[in-house]
Amino acid sequence: MDNDKKIKFKYIFPTDYNPTYCNGAFGGVSTHGEIVVNFFLERMPIPNSITQQLNENGTLGAVINVDPENCDNTIIRNVSTGVVLTEETAKSIYEWLNIQLEELQRQKQIQSNSN
């Protein structure tokens, strides 16, 4: 009989599982002492509408109106999902991410040395 204690984790994904790209996070410590992390995708804004002239030959001409008129000072942060973590879970994920980053650096170094 095998005296080594073991546990196997089975991962189950819903049929609509669809990983989301994120390039930032915002959050902090909640009033319950948990860590709240909201993941977002940061991008330039897309106007609500653009009105263009229609040329006689049916092609699009000059832009006549943009709504809103000026989006230059705006950046959109589309929050896709958020998680609430206990301190222990946050530490565990922190350690796991550190291992993944070390592995990524190792792979980059190998790739750099082979070039």
N, C-alpha and C. Protein backbone atom coordinates (compact mmCIF):
# COMPACT_ATOMS: atom_id res chain seq x y z
N MET A 1 0.84 -1.18 0.00
CA MET A 1 0.00 0.00 0.00
C MET A 1 0.88 1.25 0.00
N ASP A 2 0.46 2.25 -0.75
CA ASP A 2 1.21 3.51 -0.88
C ASP A 2 0.95 4.38 0.34
N ASN A 3 2.01 4.68 1.12
CA ASN A 3 1.86 5.49 2.32
C ASN A 3 1.94 6.98 2.04
N ASP A 4 2.34 7.38 0.81
CA ASP A 4 2.40 8.79 0.45
C ASP A 4 0.98 9.33 0.31
N LYS A 5 0.70 10.39 1.03
CA LYS A 5 -0.62 11.01 0.91
C LYS A 5 -0.63 11.85 -0.36
N LYS A 6 -1.71 11.75 -1.11
CA LYS A 6 -1.84 12.46 -2.38
C LYS A 6 -3.23 13.03 -2.49
N ILE A 7 -3.33 14.07 -3.29
CA ILE A 7 -4.64 14.62 -3.64
C ILE A 7 -4.58 15.05 -5.10
N LYS A 8 -5.64 14.78 -5.82
CA LYS A 8 -5.71 15.14 -7.22
C LYS A 8 -6.81 16.19 -7.38
N PHE A 9 -6.49 17.31 -8.08
CA PHE A 9 -7.48 18.34 -8.35
C PHE A 9 -7.95 18.20 -9.78
N LYS A 10 -9.23 18.16 -9.99
CA LYS A 10 -9.82 18.08 -11.32
C LYS A 10 -10.38 19.45 -11.66
N TYR A 11 -9.96 20.01 -12.80
CA TYR A 11 -10.41 21.33 -13.23
C TYR A 11 -11.59 21.17 -14.19
N ILE A 12 -12.67 21.87 -13.88
CA ILE A 12 -13.87 21.82 -14.71
C ILE A 12 -14.15 23.23 -15.22
N PHE A 13 -14.32 23.35 -16.52
CA PHE A 13 -14.57 24.64 -17.16
C PHE A 13 -16.00 24.65 -17.70
N PRO A 14 -16.73 25.74 -17.48
CA PRO A 14 -18.05 25.84 -18.11
C PRO A 14 -17.91 25.93 -19.62
N THR A 15 -18.95 25.58 -20.35
CA THR A 15 -18.87 25.59 -21.82
C THR A 15 -18.64 26.99 -22.37
N ASP A 16 -19.03 28.02 -21.62
CA ASP A 16 -18.83 29.39 -22.09
C ASP A 16 -17.56 30.01 -21.54
N TYR A 17 -16.62 29.20 -21.04
CA TYR A 17 -15.35 29.71 -20.52
C TYR A 17 -14.64 30.50 -21.62
N ASN A 18 -14.27 31.72 -21.30
CA ASN A 18 -13.63 32.59 -22.28
C ASN A 18 -12.69 33.54 -21.54
N PRO A 19 -11.39 33.24 -21.48
CA PRO A 19 -10.47 34.11 -20.77
C PRO A 19 -10.51 35.54 -21.33
N THR A 20 -10.37 36.51 -20.45
CA THR A 20 -10.44 37.90 -20.82
C THR A 20 -9.07 38.55 -20.68
N TYR A 21 -8.66 39.31 -21.69
CA TYR A 21 -7.40 40.03 -21.63
C TYR A 21 -7.56 41.20 -20.67
N CYS A 22 -6.55 41.43 -19.86
CA CYS A 22 -6.57 42.59 -18.97
C CYS A 22 -5.18 43.20 -18.96
N ASN A 23 -5.13 44.54 -18.85
CA ASN A 23 -3.83 45.20 -18.78
C ASN A 23 -3.74 46.12 -17.57
N GLY A 24 -4.61 45.87 -16.59
CA GLY A 24 -4.54 46.65 -15.37
C GLY A 24 -5.50 46.13 -14.32
N ALA A 25 -5.32 46.62 -13.10
CA ALA A 25 -6.20 46.24 -12.00
C ALA A 25 -6.33 47.42 -11.04
N PHE A 26 -7.46 47.47 -10.36
CA PHE A 26 -7.72 48.51 -9.39
C PHE A 26 -8.48 47.89 -8.23
N GLY A 27 -8.17 48.29 -7.04
CA GLY A 27 -8.88 47.76 -5.89
C GLY A 27 -8.21 48.16 -4.60
N GLY A 28 -8.37 47.34 -3.59
CA GLY A 28 -7.79 47.63 -2.30
C GLY A 28 -8.36 46.72 -1.23
N VAL A 29 -8.16 47.10 0.01
CA VAL A 29 -8.64 46.31 1.14
C VAL A 29 -10.06 46.75 1.47
N SER A 30 -10.96 45.78 1.58
CA SER A 30 -12.36 46.08 1.89
C SER A 30 -12.55 46.30 3.38
N THR A 31 -13.74 46.74 3.74
CA THR A 31 -14.06 46.94 5.16
C THR A 31 -14.12 45.62 5.92
N HIS A 32 -14.18 44.50 5.20
CA HIS A 32 -14.19 43.18 5.82
C HIS A 32 -12.79 42.58 5.91
N GLY A 33 -11.77 43.37 5.54
CA GLY A 33 -10.40 42.88 5.63
C GLY A 33 -10.01 41.93 4.51
N GLU A 34 -10.73 42.00 3.39
CA GLU A 34 -10.41 41.18 2.23
C GLU A 34 -9.85 42.08 1.14
N ILE A 35 -9.14 41.47 0.21
CA ILE A 35 -8.56 42.24 -0.89
C ILE A 35 -9.49 42.13 -2.10
N VAL A 36 -9.86 43.29 -2.62
CA VAL A 36 -10.74 43.36 -3.79
C VAL A 36 -9.90 43.80 -4.97
N VAL A 37 -9.95 43.01 -6.04
CA VAL A 37 -9.20 43.33 -7.26
C VAL A 37 -10.18 43.36 -8.43
N ASN A 38 -10.25 44.49 -9.11
CA ASN A 38 -11.08 44.63 -10.31
C ASN A 38 -10.15 44.73 -11.51
N PHE A 39 -10.30 43.81 -12.45
CA PHE A 39 -9.44 43.76 -13.63
C PHE A 39 -10.07 44.56 -14.76
N PHE A 40 -9.23 45.33 -15.46
CA PHE A 40 -9.76 46.15 -16.54
C PHE A 40 -8.88 46.09 -17.77
N LEU A 41 -9.48 46.48 -18.89
CA LEU A 41 -8.77 46.69 -20.16
C LEU A 41 -8.81 48.19 -20.41
N GLU A 42 -7.64 48.79 -20.52
CA GLU A 42 -7.55 50.23 -20.76
C GLU A 42 -7.40 50.47 -22.25
N ARG A 43 -8.21 51.40 -22.77
CA ARG A 43 -8.19 51.69 -24.21
C ARG A 43 -8.63 53.11 -24.46
N MET A 44 -8.41 53.55 -25.67
CA MET A 44 -8.87 54.87 -26.10
C MET A 44 -10.39 54.79 -26.32
N PRO A 45 -11.09 55.91 -26.15
CA PRO A 45 -12.55 55.88 -26.33
C PRO A 45 -12.95 55.76 -27.79
N ILE A 46 -14.11 55.21 -28.00
CA ILE A 46 -14.73 55.14 -29.32
C ILE A 46 -15.92 56.10 -29.28
N PRO A 47 -16.06 56.97 -30.26
CA PRO A 47 -17.18 57.93 -30.22
C PRO A 47 -18.52 57.20 -30.24
N ASN A 48 -19.54 57.88 -29.71
CA ASN A 48 -20.91 57.34 -29.77
C ASN A 48 -21.39 57.29 -31.21
N SER A 49 -21.01 58.32 -31.98
CA SER A 49 -21.39 58.35 -33.40
C SER A 49 -20.47 59.29 -34.17
N ILE A 50 -20.37 59.02 -35.45
CA ILE A 50 -19.64 59.88 -36.38
C ILE A 50 -20.55 60.10 -37.59
N THR A 51 -20.69 61.35 -38.01
CA THR A 51 -21.48 61.67 -39.20
C THR A 51 -20.51 62.10 -40.29
N GLN A 52 -20.66 61.48 -41.46
CA GLN A 52 -19.79 61.81 -42.59
C GLN A 52 -20.62 62.19 -43.80
N GLN A 53 -20.01 63.01 -44.65
CA GLN A 53 -20.64 63.34 -45.92
C GLN A 53 -20.64 62.10 -46.80
N LEU A 54 -21.61 62.04 -47.66
CA LEU A 54 -21.66 60.97 -48.63
C LEU A 54 -21.38 61.57 -50.00
N ASN A 55 -20.31 61.13 -50.65
CA ASN A 55 -19.94 61.65 -51.96
C ASN A 55 -20.94 61.21 -53.01
N GLU A 56 -20.97 61.91 -54.12
CA GLU A 56 -21.92 61.59 -55.20
C GLU A 56 -21.73 60.18 -55.72
N ASN A 57 -20.49 59.68 -55.67
CA ASN A 57 -20.25 58.32 -56.17
C ASN A 57 -20.55 57.24 -55.12
N GLY A 58 -21.06 57.65 -53.95
CA GLY A 58 -21.45 56.70 -52.91
C GLY A 58 -20.37 56.41 -51.88
N THR A 59 -19.18 56.97 -52.06
CA THR A 59 -18.11 56.75 -51.08
C THR A 59 -18.25 57.73 -49.92
N LEU A 60 -17.59 57.41 -48.82
CA LEU A 60 -17.63 58.29 -47.65
C LEU A 60 -16.72 59.49 -47.86
N GLY A 61 -17.22 60.64 -47.46
CA GLY A 61 -16.45 61.87 -47.57
C GLY A 61 -15.97 62.34 -46.21
N ALA A 62 -15.87 63.64 -46.04
CA ALA A 62 -15.33 64.25 -44.83
C ALA A 62 -16.23 64.00 -43.62
N VAL A 63 -15.58 63.97 -42.45
CA VAL A 63 -16.32 63.86 -41.20
C VAL A 63 -16.97 65.21 -40.92
N ILE A 64 -18.27 65.19 -40.67
CA ILE A 64 -19.04 66.40 -40.39
C ILE A 64 -19.19 66.61 -38.88
N ASN A 65 -19.45 65.54 -38.15
CA ASN A 65 -19.71 65.65 -36.72
C ASN A 65 -19.25 64.39 -36.00
N VAL A 66 -18.71 64.58 -34.79
CA VAL A 66 -18.33 63.47 -33.92
C VAL A 66 -19.00 63.70 -32.57
N ASP A 67 -19.65 62.67 -32.03
CA ASP A 67 -20.30 62.77 -30.72
C ASP A 67 -19.68 61.77 -29.77
N PRO A 68 -19.09 62.21 -28.67
CA PRO A 68 -18.86 63.60 -28.28
C PRO A 68 -17.75 64.20 -29.12
N GLU A 69 -17.71 65.54 -29.12
CA GLU A 69 -16.78 66.26 -29.98
C GLU A 69 -15.32 65.98 -29.65
N ASN A 70 -14.99 65.87 -28.36
CA ASN A 70 -13.59 65.73 -27.98
C ASN A 70 -13.42 64.60 -26.96
N CYS A 71 -12.73 63.57 -27.36
CA CYS A 71 -12.42 62.45 -26.47
C CYS A 71 -10.94 62.42 -26.11
N ASP A 72 -10.22 63.50 -26.47
CA ASP A 72 -8.77 63.51 -26.32
C ASP A 72 -8.29 63.31 -24.89
N ASN A 73 -9.03 63.78 -23.91
CA ASN A 73 -8.61 63.69 -22.52
C ASN A 73 -9.29 62.56 -21.77
N THR A 74 -9.72 61.54 -22.51
CA THR A 74 -10.45 60.43 -21.91
C THR A 74 -9.77 59.11 -22.24
N ILE A 75 -9.66 58.28 -21.24
CA ILE A 75 -9.21 56.89 -21.43
C ILE A 75 -10.27 56.01 -20.80
N ILE A 76 -10.68 54.99 -21.51
CA ILE A 76 -11.71 54.06 -21.03
C ILE A 76 -11.03 52.92 -20.28
N ARG A 77 -11.53 52.61 -19.11
CA ARG A 77 -11.11 51.42 -18.36
C ARG A 77 -12.34 50.52 -18.24
N ASN A 78 -12.40 49.52 -19.10
CA ASN A 78 -13.51 48.58 -19.12
C ASN A 78 -13.24 47.49 -18.09
N VAL A 79 -13.99 47.51 -17.00
CA VAL A 79 -13.80 46.53 -15.94
C VAL A 79 -14.52 45.25 -16.36
N SER A 80 -13.74 44.17 -16.56
CA SER A 80 -14.31 42.92 -17.05
C SER A 80 -14.74 41.99 -15.93
N THR A 81 -13.99 41.98 -14.85
CA THR A 81 -14.32 41.10 -13.74
C THR A 81 -13.57 41.55 -12.50
N GLY A 82 -13.97 41.04 -11.39
CA GLY A 82 -13.30 41.34 -10.14
C GLY A 82 -13.26 40.11 -9.26
N VAL A 83 -12.35 40.09 -8.33
CA VAL A 83 -12.27 38.99 -7.38
C VAL A 83 -12.08 39.56 -5.98
N VAL A 84 -12.56 38.82 -5.01
CA VAL A 84 -12.38 39.15 -3.60
C VAL A 84 -11.57 38.03 -2.99
N LEU A 85 -10.44 38.39 -2.36
CA LEU A 85 -9.50 37.40 -1.85
C LEU A 85 -9.31 37.55 -0.35
N THR A 86 -9.21 36.43 0.32
CA THR A 86 -8.77 36.48 1.71
C THR A 86 -7.27 36.75 1.72
N GLU A 87 -6.74 37.11 2.86
CA GLU A 87 -5.30 37.35 2.97
C GLU A 87 -4.51 36.11 2.58
N GLU A 88 -4.96 34.96 3.04
CA GLU A 88 -4.24 33.70 2.74
C GLU A 88 -4.26 33.40 1.25
N THR A 89 -5.41 33.59 0.61
CA THR A 89 -5.51 33.34 -0.83
C THR A 89 -4.66 34.33 -1.61
N ALA A 90 -4.66 35.58 -1.21
CA ALA A 90 -3.85 36.59 -1.88
C ALA A 90 -2.37 36.23 -1.79
N LYS A 91 -1.92 35.79 -0.62
CA LYS A 91 -0.52 35.39 -0.46
C LYS A 91 -0.19 34.21 -1.35
N SER A 92 -1.09 33.25 -1.42
CA SER A 92 -0.87 32.06 -2.25
C SER A 92 -0.77 32.44 -3.73
N ILE A 93 -1.65 33.30 -4.19
CA ILE A 93 -1.62 33.74 -5.59
C ILE A 93 -0.38 34.57 -5.85
N TYR A 94 0.01 35.40 -4.89
CA TYR A 94 1.24 36.19 -5.00
C TYR A 94 2.45 35.29 -5.19
N GLU A 95 2.53 34.25 -4.39
CA GLU A 95 3.65 33.29 -4.51
C GLU A 95 3.60 32.56 -5.84
N TRP A 96 2.42 32.16 -6.27
CA TRP A 96 2.27 31.45 -7.55
C TRP A 96 2.68 32.36 -8.71
N LEU A 97 2.23 33.63 -8.67
CA LEU A 97 2.62 34.57 -9.73
C LEU A 97 4.12 34.78 -9.76
N ASN A 98 4.75 34.85 -8.59
CA ASN A 98 6.20 35.00 -8.53
C ASN A 98 6.91 33.83 -9.21
N ILE A 99 6.44 32.63 -8.98
CA ILE A 99 7.01 31.44 -9.62
C ILE A 99 6.84 31.53 -11.13
N GLN A 100 5.65 31.97 -11.59
CA GLN A 100 5.40 32.08 -13.03
C GLN A 100 6.30 33.15 -13.66
N LEU A 101 6.51 34.26 -12.96
CA LEU A 101 7.39 35.31 -13.47
C LEU A 101 8.83 34.84 -13.54
N GLU A 102 9.28 34.09 -12.54
CA GLU A 102 10.63 33.54 -12.58
C GLU A 102 10.80 32.58 -13.75
N GLU A 103 9.79 31.76 -14.01
CA GLU A 103 9.84 30.83 -15.14
C GLU A 103 9.86 31.58 -16.46
N LEU A 104 9.07 32.64 -16.57
CA LEU A 104 9.06 33.45 -17.78
C LEU A 104 10.43 34.06 -18.03
N GLN A 105 11.06 34.59 -16.98
CA GLN A 105 12.39 35.17 -17.12
C GLN A 105 13.40 34.10 -17.53
N ARG A 106 13.28 32.90 -16.96
CA ARG A 106 14.18 31.80 -17.32
C ARG A 106 14.04 31.46 -18.80
N GLN A 107 12.80 31.37 -19.28
CA GLN A 107 12.55 31.05 -20.69
C GLN A 107 13.08 32.15 -21.61
N LYS A 108 12.89 33.40 -21.22
CA LYS A 108 13.41 34.51 -22.02
C LYS A 108 14.93 34.47 -22.08
N GLN A 109 15.57 34.14 -20.96
CA GLN A 109 17.04 34.05 -20.91
C GLN A 109 17.53 32.94 -21.83
N ILE A 110 16.87 31.79 -21.79
CA ILE A 110 17.23 30.68 -22.68
C ILE A 110 17.08 31.10 -24.13
N GLN A 111 15.98 31.75 -24.45
CA GLN A 111 15.73 32.20 -25.82
C GLN A 111 16.76 33.23 -26.24
N SER A 112 17.10 34.14 -25.35
CA SER A 112 18.09 35.17 -25.65
C SER A 112 19.47 34.55 -25.90
N ASN A 113 19.83 33.56 -25.10
CA ASN A 113 21.12 32.89 -25.26
C ASN A 113 21.20 32.05 -26.53
N SER A 114 20.07 31.59 -27.02
CA SER A 114 20.09 30.75 -28.24
C SER A 114 20.10 31.59 -29.51
N ASN A 115 19.90 32.89 -29.39
CA ASN A 115 19.90 33.77 -30.58
C ASN A 115 21.24 34.30 -30.89
